[in-house]
Amino acid sequence: MAEFVRGAELAQAFYQEVVRPVLGGTTHAAALLGTGSDVLGFDTSRSTDHGWGPRMHVFVDEANLTDVASRVDAALPDTYQGWPTRYGWDAVPVQHHVVVRPLGAWLRSQLGVDPREGMSTVDWLAAPQQKLLEVTAGPVFHDGTGELARTRSILSWYPDDVWRWLVACQWRRLDQEEPFVGRTAEVGDELGSSIVAARLARDLMRLCLLLDRRYAPYSKWLGSAFARLDIAATVGPALEAALAASAFREREAALVEAFRFVARHHNEAGASQPVSADVSPFYGRPYQVLGSGRFVDACLDRVQDPWLRSLPLVGAIDQLVDSTDVLEHPTVSRRLLSMYVR
């Protein structure tokens, strides 16, 4: 087996040494985009056991599509740096993975819309964060027209109103289940208490990414993405302690610590006017909560768009659902746009 190199490094060398000479003077962009741990920079030697090899997207005008695709197909060697250039996995047949397409067509297949034509508020809400990462996270090797850079700039982060509304919706998720960790334990359901704590931990991690203006990847890489945040050094150990706890009081103490850290980070991020990070008993019951609803209200006070303010606080598509079969396919996820129609 060939020696492991990171996918981004392999793709860049493959572009420079093999693909670019084939393209000649054709105006194009080339990048490592789409699905895959290598796009996010999380690939390891384990990644090579499944659908691995040199690959990239090459974007050309429609008029040059057939010619470029034919030239690439004919010119690729059988192997590159010891890796096959044609490979398959699962239901994917053996083929090369230099995908030649017009940029607009690929964007519509990814997001259901071409962002260069404008992103409405509904378009932002309908775009799963993982799909946004698939456009914005991977390395670009060449951008002859600058259109790929322009697209990635448009998609680099949510408009401020959308961001604040999403932060409010994330706090809403936390507020709805925050007291359940104690209530389940109170009736002797330690397993149920642990499950609720795990849900809260996941939502706190996603909130930290939102506050740091970073798109969250799908579940396999959520912890890895969270670990790259500065706040992970403080929140991470508290969440680990909460999940490792075998009894409610230890679980509660660790969660309270995590909530306080995130509340202070919320204030530092400027998503709303500052809100107290103090905890208190839940309506006099013997378990401590932050009272996350206060952060919901504070965020909504900063949202200017009356249409956003009129919506139920269900959040964007990946706050609303977590079915992979919805979030992986824009044609499916955009069917849920009626959620955002009054």
Protein backbone atom coordinates (compact mmCIF):
# COMPACT_ATOMS: atom_id res chain seq x y z
CA MET A 1 0.00 0.00 0.00
CA ALA A 2 1.19 3.53 -0.78
CA GLU A 3 2.38 5.72 2.06
CA PHE A 4 -0.40 7.84 3.55
CA VAL A 5 -0.50 11.53 2.76
CA ARG A 6 -3.35 13.86 3.64
CA GLY A 7 -6.01 14.00 0.97
CA ALA A 8 -5.58 17.74 0.40
CA GLU A 9 -1.86 17.29 -0.17
CA LEU A 10 -2.42 14.37 -2.55
CA ALA A 11 -5.06 16.28 -4.51
CA GLN A 12 -2.95 19.41 -4.85
CA ALA A 13 0.03 17.48 -6.20
CA PHE A 14 -2.26 15.51 -8.52
CA TYR A 15 -3.66 18.75 -9.88
CA GLN A 16 -0.27 20.37 -10.43
CA GLU A 17 1.46 17.34 -11.96
CA VAL A 18 -1.34 15.57 -13.84
CA VAL A 19 -4.57 17.52 -14.26
CA ARG A 20 -3.40 21.06 -14.90
CA PRO A 21 -1.17 20.13 -17.87
CA VAL A 22 -4.16 18.38 -19.48
CA LEU A 23 -6.29 21.54 -19.21
CA GLY A 24 -3.81 23.68 -21.13
CA GLY A 25 -5.12 27.21 -21.51
CA THR A 26 -8.74 26.39 -20.68
CA THR A 27 -10.11 28.79 -18.09
CA HIS A 28 -11.05 26.75 -15.03
CA ALA A 29 -11.16 26.42 -11.27
CA ALA A 30 -9.96 23.36 -9.39
CA ALA A 31 -10.50 22.43 -5.75
CA LEU A 32 -11.01 19.56 -3.31
CA LEU A 33 -14.67 20.01 -2.41
CA GLY A 34 -17.76 17.97 -1.57
CA THR A 35 -18.03 15.03 0.79
CA GLY A 36 -15.13 13.38 2.56
CA SER A 37 -13.03 13.72 5.68
CA ASP A 38 -10.16 15.04 3.55
CA VAL A 39 -12.22 18.11 2.59
CA LEU A 40 -12.60 18.97 6.28
CA GLY A 41 -9.01 18.08 7.12
CA PHE A 42 -9.95 15.19 9.41
CA ASP A 43 -8.60 12.36 7.26
CA THR A 44 -6.18 9.78 8.68
CA SER A 45 -4.68 6.55 7.40
CA ARG A 46 -7.99 4.87 8.31
CA SER A 47 -9.65 6.96 5.59
CA THR A 48 -7.72 5.07 2.91
CA ASP A 49 -9.68 1.83 3.37
CA HIS A 50 -12.78 3.20 1.68
CA GLY A 51 -13.18 5.28 -1.47
CA TRP A 52 -9.73 6.80 -1.29
CA GLY A 53 -7.46 8.20 -3.98
CA PRO A 54 -6.58 11.33 -5.91
CA ARG A 55 -9.68 13.40 -6.66
CA MET A 56 -10.94 16.94 -7.15
CA HIS A 57 -13.56 19.10 -8.83
CA VAL A 58 -12.70 21.01 -12.00
CA PHE A 59 -15.12 23.78 -12.99
CA VAL A 60 -15.34 24.96 -16.60
CA ASP A 61 -17.88 26.74 -18.77
CA GLU A 62 -20.61 24.65 -20.32
CA ALA A 63 -19.09 25.20 -23.77
CA ASN A 64 -15.84 23.50 -22.71
CA LEU A 65 -17.39 20.74 -20.64
CA THR A 66 -17.36 17.83 -23.10
CA ASP A 67 -13.89 18.58 -24.45
CA VAL A 68 -12.29 18.96 -21.01
CA ALA A 69 -14.00 15.89 -19.60
CA SER A 70 -12.80 13.81 -22.55
CA ARG A 71 -9.23 15.08 -22.28
CA VAL A 72 -9.09 14.37 -18.55
CA ASP A 73 -10.54 10.88 -18.96
CA ALA A 74 -8.03 9.99 -21.68
CA ALA A 75 -4.95 11.45 -19.99
CA LEU A 76 -5.12 10.14 -16.44
CA PRO A 77 -2.53 7.53 -15.52
CA ASP A 78 -3.61 4.28 -13.88
CA THR A 79 -1.97 5.24 -10.59
CA TYR A 80 -0.58 8.33 -8.93
CA GLN A 81 1.88 8.17 -6.00
CA GLY A 82 0.90 4.51 -5.63
CA TRP A 83 -2.85 5.18 -5.45
CA PRO A 84 -5.26 4.10 -8.22
CA THR A 85 -6.80 7.01 -10.08
CA ARG A 86 -9.90 4.95 -10.83
CA TYR A 87 -11.65 3.38 -7.85
CA GLY A 88 -15.11 2.65 -6.50
CA TRP A 89 -16.81 1.81 -3.22
CA ASP A 90 -20.22 0.52 -2.11
CA ALA A 91 -22.62 1.42 -4.94
CA VAL A 92 -20.10 3.75 -6.63
CA PRO A 93 -18.62 2.07 -9.71
CA VAL A 94 -14.92 2.09 -10.51
CA GLN A 95 -14.18 5.39 -12.23
CA HIS A 96 -11.88 8.38 -11.93
CA HIS A 97 -12.88 11.16 -9.55
CA VAL A 98 -11.84 14.29 -11.36
CA VAL A 99 -15.35 15.71 -11.56
CA VAL A 100 -15.66 18.17 -14.44
CA ARG A 101 -18.75 20.40 -14.21
CA PRO A 102 -19.94 23.98 -14.63
CA LEU A 103 -19.75 25.71 -11.25
CA GLY A 104 -23.42 26.75 -11.22
CA ALA A 105 -24.69 23.25 -11.90
CA TRP A 106 -22.57 21.81 -9.11
CA LEU A 107 -23.69 24.47 -6.64
CA ARG A 108 -27.33 23.77 -7.40
CA SER A 109 -26.73 20.06 -6.84
CA GLN A 110 -25.11 20.86 -3.48
CA LEU A 111 -27.45 23.52 -2.15
CA GLY A 112 -30.48 23.64 -4.43
CA VAL A 113 -29.48 27.18 -5.40
CA ASP A 114 -26.61 29.07 -7.03
CA PRO A 115 -25.47 31.54 -4.33
CA ARG A 116 -24.09 33.93 -6.94
CA GLU A 117 -27.67 34.63 -7.94
CA GLY A 118 -28.50 35.62 -4.37
CA MET A 119 -29.19 33.81 -1.11
CA SER A 120 -32.59 34.55 0.35
CA THR A 121 -33.18 34.08 4.08
CA VAL A 122 -35.09 30.89 3.27
CA ASP A 123 -32.13 29.62 1.21
CA TRP A 124 -29.87 30.08 4.23
CA LEU A 125 -32.30 28.23 6.50
CA ALA A 126 -32.64 25.36 4.03
CA ALA A 127 -28.88 24.80 3.64
CA PRO A 128 -27.44 22.17 6.02
CA GLN A 129 -24.20 23.33 7.60
CA GLN A 130 -22.37 20.23 6.37
CA LYS A 131 -23.34 21.11 2.78
CA LEU A 132 -22.07 24.66 3.30
CA LEU A 133 -18.80 23.18 4.56
CA GLU A 134 -18.55 21.03 1.46
CA VAL A 135 -18.39 24.23 -0.59
CA THR A 136 -16.30 26.40 1.71
CA ALA A 137 -13.91 24.12 3.64
CA GLY A 138 -11.70 22.38 1.07
CA PRO A 139 -8.53 23.79 -0.51
CA VAL A 140 -8.67 25.64 -3.85
CA PHE A 141 -5.82 24.90 -6.26
CA HIS A 142 -6.72 27.34 -9.04
CA ASP A 143 -9.49 29.86 -9.70
CA GLY A 144 -9.13 31.31 -13.16
CA THR A 145 -12.18 33.61 -13.06
CA GLY A 146 -12.44 34.23 -9.33
CA GLU A 147 -15.99 32.89 -9.33
CA LEU A 148 -15.24 30.09 -6.89
CA ALA A 149 -13.67 32.57 -4.46
CA ARG A 150 -16.69 34.84 -4.84
CA THR A 151 -19.02 31.96 -4.11
CA ARG A 152 -17.08 30.92 -1.03
CA SER A 153 -17.07 34.51 0.20
CA ILE A 154 -20.86 34.70 -0.12
CA LEU A 155 -21.23 31.44 1.81
CA SER A 156 -18.50 32.13 4.38
CA TRP A 157 -21.05 32.82 7.13
CA TYR A 158 -24.68 33.67 7.76
CA PRO A 159 -25.99 37.23 7.58
CA ASP A 160 -26.08 38.74 11.09
CA ASP A 161 -29.86 38.53 11.51
CA VAL A 162 -29.90 34.89 10.45
CA TRP A 163 -26.97 34.12 12.77
CA ARG A 164 -28.64 35.71 15.80
CA TRP A 165 -31.90 33.92 15.06
CA LEU A 166 -30.08 30.58 14.80
CA VAL A 167 -28.31 31.24 18.11
CA ALA A 168 -31.70 32.01 19.67
CA CYS A 169 -33.09 28.75 18.28
CA GLN A 170 -30.13 26.79 19.64
CA TRP A 171 -30.64 28.27 23.10
CA ARG A 172 -34.31 27.37 22.75
CA ARG A 173 -33.39 23.70 22.26
CA LEU A 174 -31.30 23.84 25.43
CA ASP A 175 -33.98 25.66 27.39
CA GLN A 176 -36.59 23.03 26.55
CA GLU A 177 -34.58 20.13 27.97
CA GLU A 178 -32.27 21.73 30.53
CA PRO A 179 -34.41 20.74 33.57
CA PHE A 180 -35.03 17.19 32.36
CA VAL A 181 -31.61 16.00 33.56
CA GLY A 182 -32.78 16.55 37.12
CA ARG A 183 -36.38 15.50 36.70
CA THR A 184 -35.49 12.11 35.21
CA ALA A 185 -32.95 11.43 37.93
CA GLU A 186 -35.47 12.41 40.57
CA VAL A 187 -37.65 9.44 39.61
CA GLY A 188 -34.68 7.08 39.56
CA ASP A 189 -34.11 7.15 35.80
CA GLU A 190 -30.34 7.60 35.66
CA LEU A 191 -30.19 6.24 32.11
CA GLY A 192 -32.77 8.79 30.98
CA SER A 193 -30.87 11.53 32.80
CA SER A 194 -27.65 10.51 31.03
CA ILE A 195 -29.36 10.53 27.64
CA VAL A 196 -30.74 14.03 28.18
CA ALA A 197 -27.31 15.18 29.35
CA ALA A 198 -25.77 13.80 26.15
CA ARG A 199 -28.34 15.65 24.04
CA LEU A 200 -27.57 18.87 25.90
CA ALA A 201 -23.83 18.29 25.45
CA ARG A 202 -24.27 17.92 21.70
CA ASP A 203 -26.39 21.08 21.52
CA LEU A 204 -23.89 23.05 23.60
CA MET A 205 -21.10 21.98 21.24
CA ARG A 206 -23.13 23.09 18.23
CA LEU A 207 -23.92 26.37 20.00
CA CYS A 208 -20.20 26.98 20.57
CA LEU A 209 -19.57 26.51 16.87
CA LEU A 210 -22.38 28.95 16.06
CA LEU A 211 -21.01 31.52 18.49
CA ASP A 212 -17.56 31.18 16.92
CA ARG A 213 -19.10 31.52 13.45
CA ARG A 214 -18.06 28.04 12.34
CA TYR A 215 -20.30 25.65 10.43
CA ALA A 216 -20.87 22.35 12.21
CA PRO A 217 -20.04 19.14 10.32
CA TYR A 218 -22.18 16.04 10.52
CA SER A 219 -22.06 13.90 13.66
CA LYS A 220 -18.90 11.89 12.91
CA TRP A 221 -16.75 15.02 12.97
CA LEU A 222 -18.70 17.23 15.40
CA GLY A 223 -16.35 16.50 18.31
CA SER A 224 -13.27 17.02 16.14
CA ALA A 225 -14.56 20.38 14.89
CA PHE A 226 -15.51 21.43 18.41
CA ALA A 227 -12.04 20.50 19.67
CA ARG A 228 -10.52 23.09 17.33
CA LEU A 229 -12.35 25.93 19.12
CA ASP A 230 -10.52 27.86 21.85
CA ILE A 231 -13.47 27.40 24.20
CA ALA A 232 -13.16 23.61 23.94
CA ALA A 233 -10.33 23.75 26.48
CA THR A 234 -12.81 24.83 29.17
CA VAL A 235 -16.16 23.47 28.01
CA GLY A 236 -14.83 20.13 26.78
CA PRO A 237 -13.67 18.76 30.15
CA ALA A 238 -16.94 19.81 31.77
CA LEU A 239 -18.95 17.99 29.11
CA GLU A 240 -16.75 14.90 29.42
CA ALA A 241 -17.32 14.91 33.18
CA ALA A 242 -21.06 15.22 32.70
CA LEU A 243 -21.16 12.27 30.32
CA ALA A 244 -18.90 10.15 32.53
CA ALA A 245 -20.91 10.79 35.70
CA SER A 246 -22.80 7.82 37.11
CA ALA A 247 -25.02 9.87 39.42
CA PHE A 248 -27.12 12.97 38.99
CA ARG A 249 -25.34 15.39 41.34
CA GLU A 250 -21.98 14.91 39.61
CA ARG A 251 -23.70 15.14 36.23
CA GLU A 252 -25.51 18.33 37.25
CA ALA A 253 -22.38 20.00 38.61
CA ALA A 254 -20.46 19.36 35.40
CA LEU A 255 -23.32 20.49 33.17
CA VAL A 256 -23.83 23.66 35.19
CA GLU A 257 -20.14 24.44 34.74
CA ALA A 258 -20.41 23.87 30.97
CA PHE A 259 -23.53 26.04 30.69
CA ARG A 260 -21.82 28.86 32.57
CA PHE A 261 -18.78 28.75 30.30
CA VAL A 262 -20.96 28.85 27.19
CA ALA A 263 -23.13 31.65 28.60
CA ARG A 264 -20.02 33.80 29.16
CA HIS A 265 -18.82 32.94 25.65
CA HIS A 266 -22.20 34.03 24.29
CA ASN A 267 -21.70 37.43 25.89
CA GLU A 268 -18.17 37.70 24.49
CA ALA A 269 -19.42 36.80 20.98
CA GLY A 270 -21.84 39.74 20.96
CA ALA A 271 -24.86 37.75 19.82
CA SER A 272 -27.02 39.84 22.16
CA GLN A 273 -26.84 42.27 25.02
CA PRO A 274 -24.97 40.63 27.93
CA VAL A 275 -27.03 38.14 29.94
CA SER A 276 -26.21 36.91 33.44
CA ALA A 277 -24.53 33.49 33.58
CA ASP A 278 -25.94 32.75 37.03
CA VAL A 279 -27.82 29.50 37.66
CA SER A 280 -30.79 28.95 39.94
CA PRO A 281 -33.25 26.22 40.96
CA PHE A 282 -35.80 25.37 38.28
CA TYR A 283 -39.05 26.91 39.61
CA GLY A 284 -37.96 26.02 43.14
CA ARG A 285 -37.27 22.39 42.30
CA PRO A 286 -34.03 20.88 43.63
CA TYR A 287 -31.99 21.02 40.43
CA GLN A 288 -29.93 23.87 39.04
CA VAL A 289 -30.41 25.37 35.56
CA LEU A 290 -29.07 28.34 33.65
CA GLY A 291 -32.50 29.37 32.43
CA SER A 292 -31.51 29.42 28.77
CA GLY A 293 -34.73 31.15 27.74
CA ARG A 294 -33.18 34.44 28.83
CA PHE A 295 -30.59 34.08 26.07
CA VAL A 296 -33.33 33.29 23.54
CA ASP A 297 -35.12 36.54 24.32
CA ALA A 298 -31.92 38.57 24.31
CA CYS A 299 -30.97 37.28 20.84
CA LEU A 300 -34.42 37.92 19.42
CA ASP A 301 -34.23 41.51 20.67
CA ARG A 302 -31.30 42.01 18.27
CA VAL A 303 -32.98 40.41 15.23
CA GLN A 304 -34.19 43.19 12.93
CA ASP A 305 -35.95 41.14 10.25
CA PRO A 306 -39.67 41.02 11.13
CA TRP A 307 -40.17 37.90 9.02
CA LEU A 308 -37.53 35.99 10.97
CA ARG A 309 -39.00 37.23 14.23
CA SER A 310 -42.41 35.93 13.16
CA LEU A 311 -41.22 32.35 12.65
CA PRO A 312 -41.56 29.53 15.19
CA LEU A 313 -38.17 28.94 16.79
CA VAL A 314 -37.46 25.70 14.94
CA GLY A 315 -34.12 26.88 13.56
CA ALA A 316 -32.45 26.04 10.26
CA ILE A 317 -32.88 22.67 8.60
CA ASP A 318 -30.24 20.90 10.71
CA GLN A 319 -31.74 22.25 13.92
CA LEU A 320 -35.15 21.09 12.77
CA VAL A 321 -34.19 17.54 11.73
CA ASP A 322 -31.13 15.32 11.98
CA SER A 323 -31.98 12.64 9.45
CA THR A 324 -29.00 12.00 7.20
CA ASP A 325 -31.35 11.15 4.32
CA VAL A 326 -32.79 14.67 4.59
CA LEU A 327 -29.60 16.64 5.17
CA GLU A 328 -27.55 14.88 2.48
CA HIS A 329 -29.95 15.69 -0.34
CA PRO A 330 -31.01 19.28 -1.18
CA THR A 331 -33.96 18.01 -3.22
CA VAL A 332 -35.27 16.45 0.00
CA SER A 333 -34.34 19.14 2.51
CA ARG A 334 -35.85 21.91 0.40
CA ARG A 335 -39.20 20.12 0.49
CA LEU A 336 -39.40 21.27 4.10
CA LEU A 337 -39.33 24.95 3.14
CA SER A 338 -43.05 25.14 3.94
CA MET A 339 -41.97 25.21 7.61
CA TYR A 340 -40.80 28.75 7.00
CA VAL A 341 -43.95 29.99 5.25
CA ARG A 342 -46.46 31.78 7.44
